[in-house]
Amino acid sequence: MPPDALNDTDPAVKAILLAAQRRLSPEEKVRQVFAMTDLLLRLSEAGVRRLYPAADNREVFLRAAARRLGRETVARVYGWDPKDP
């Protein structure tokens, strides 16, 4: 966790959180990173679904990918451009 990530957290709570993180095994830390990444991807897709309710799963995937990777990259890699009708 970056040192400035908890600047708005009470120092006592920050100490407890950091102590708990230090006790985690490397495997558990990696599992948490993957879980957070999965959550962020699902939140991004939920946002796409809200904006494009008629989109099928493939379009949702591609629009969410375009948010992360950029329109040009998605067009080059997947052959799909979110600006095309």
Protein backbone atom coordinates (compact mmCIF):
# COMPACT_ATOMS: atom_id res chain seq x y z
CA MET A 1 0.00 0.00 0.00
CA PRO A 2 1.44 3.40 -0.90
CA PRO A 3 2.47 5.38 2.19
CA ASP A 4 0.08 8.24 1.41
CA ALA A 5 -2.92 5.93 0.79
CA LEU A 6 -4.13 6.24 4.37
CA ASN A 7 -3.50 9.93 5.01
CA ASP A 8 -7.13 10.51 5.95
CA THR A 9 -7.27 7.51 8.31
CA ASP A 10 -7.08 7.77 12.09
CA PRO A 11 -3.51 6.83 13.13
CA ALA A 12 -4.72 4.07 15.50
CA VAL A 13 -6.84 2.50 12.75
CA LYS A 14 -3.97 2.88 10.29
CA ALA A 15 -1.64 1.00 12.67
CA ILE A 16 -4.15 -1.84 13.03
CA LEU A 17 -4.65 -2.10 9.27
CA LEU A 18 -0.93 -2.10 8.51
CA ALA A 19 -0.26 -4.71 11.22
CA ALA A 20 -2.97 -6.94 9.74
CA GLN A 21 -1.46 -6.56 6.27
CA ARG A 22 1.99 -7.47 7.54
CA ARG A 23 0.60 -10.74 8.94
CA LEU A 24 -0.74 -11.84 5.55
CA SER A 25 1.21 -14.41 3.61
CA PRO A 26 2.46 -13.43 0.16
CA GLU A 27 -0.15 -15.79 -1.32
CA GLU A 28 -2.97 -14.06 0.55
CA LYS A 29 -1.72 -10.65 -0.56
CA VAL A 30 -1.78 -11.83 -4.17
CA ARG A 31 -5.28 -13.27 -3.69
CA GLN A 32 -6.45 -9.90 -2.37
CA VAL A 33 -4.94 -8.08 -5.34
CA PHE A 34 -6.75 -10.43 -7.74
CA ALA A 35 -10.01 -10.02 -5.81
CA MET A 36 -9.73 -6.22 -5.95
CA THR A 37 -8.90 -6.34 -9.65
CA ASP A 38 -11.92 -8.55 -10.30
CA LEU A 39 -14.13 -6.16 -8.33
CA LEU A 40 -12.89 -3.17 -10.33
CA LEU A 41 -13.50 -4.99 -13.62
CA ARG A 42 -17.05 -5.91 -12.55
CA LEU A 43 -17.74 -2.32 -11.47
CA SER A 44 -16.50 -1.04 -14.82
CA GLU A 45 -18.74 -3.51 -16.65
CA ALA A 46 -21.70 -2.52 -14.46
CA GLY A 47 -21.13 1.09 -15.46
CA VAL A 48 -21.11 0.10 -19.13
CA ARG A 49 -24.33 -1.90 -18.66
CA ARG A 50 -25.98 1.14 -17.06
CA LEU A 51 -24.99 3.37 -20.01
CA TYR A 52 -25.72 0.75 -22.70
CA PRO A 53 -28.58 -1.43 -21.40
CA ALA A 54 -29.10 -3.11 -24.79
CA ALA A 55 -25.44 -4.16 -25.09
CA ASP A 56 -24.71 -7.87 -25.20
CA ASN A 57 -21.90 -9.42 -23.13
CA ARG A 58 -19.33 -9.01 -25.90
CA GLU A 59 -20.06 -5.30 -26.31
CA VAL A 60 -19.94 -4.79 -22.54
CA PHE A 61 -16.55 -6.52 -22.44
CA LEU A 62 -15.22 -4.41 -25.32
CA ARG A 63 -16.54 -1.11 -23.96
CA ALA A 64 -15.07 -1.86 -20.53
CA ALA A 65 -11.77 -2.80 -22.19
CA ALA A 66 -11.82 0.48 -24.11
CA ARG A 67 -12.15 2.33 -20.80
CA ARG A 68 -9.02 0.61 -19.48
CA LEU A 69 -6.90 0.24 -22.58
CA GLY A 70 -8.05 3.10 -24.78
CA ARG A 71 -10.13 3.17 -27.93
CA GLU A 72 -7.17 2.78 -30.30
CA THR A 73 -5.81 -0.30 -28.53
CA VAL A 74 -9.21 -2.03 -28.47
CA ALA A 75 -9.74 -1.23 -32.14
CA ARG A 76 -6.32 -2.64 -33.03
CA VAL A 77 -6.45 -5.74 -30.81
CA TYR A 78 -10.15 -6.68 -31.07
CA GLY A 79 -11.07 -5.03 -34.38
CA TRP A 80 -13.86 -3.12 -32.64
CA ASP A 81 -14.26 0.61 -32.28
CA PRO A 82 -16.77 1.96 -29.71
CA LYS A 83 -17.41 4.94 -32.00
CA ASP A 84 -18.69 2.73 -34.83
CA PRO A 85 -22.45 2.21 -34.82
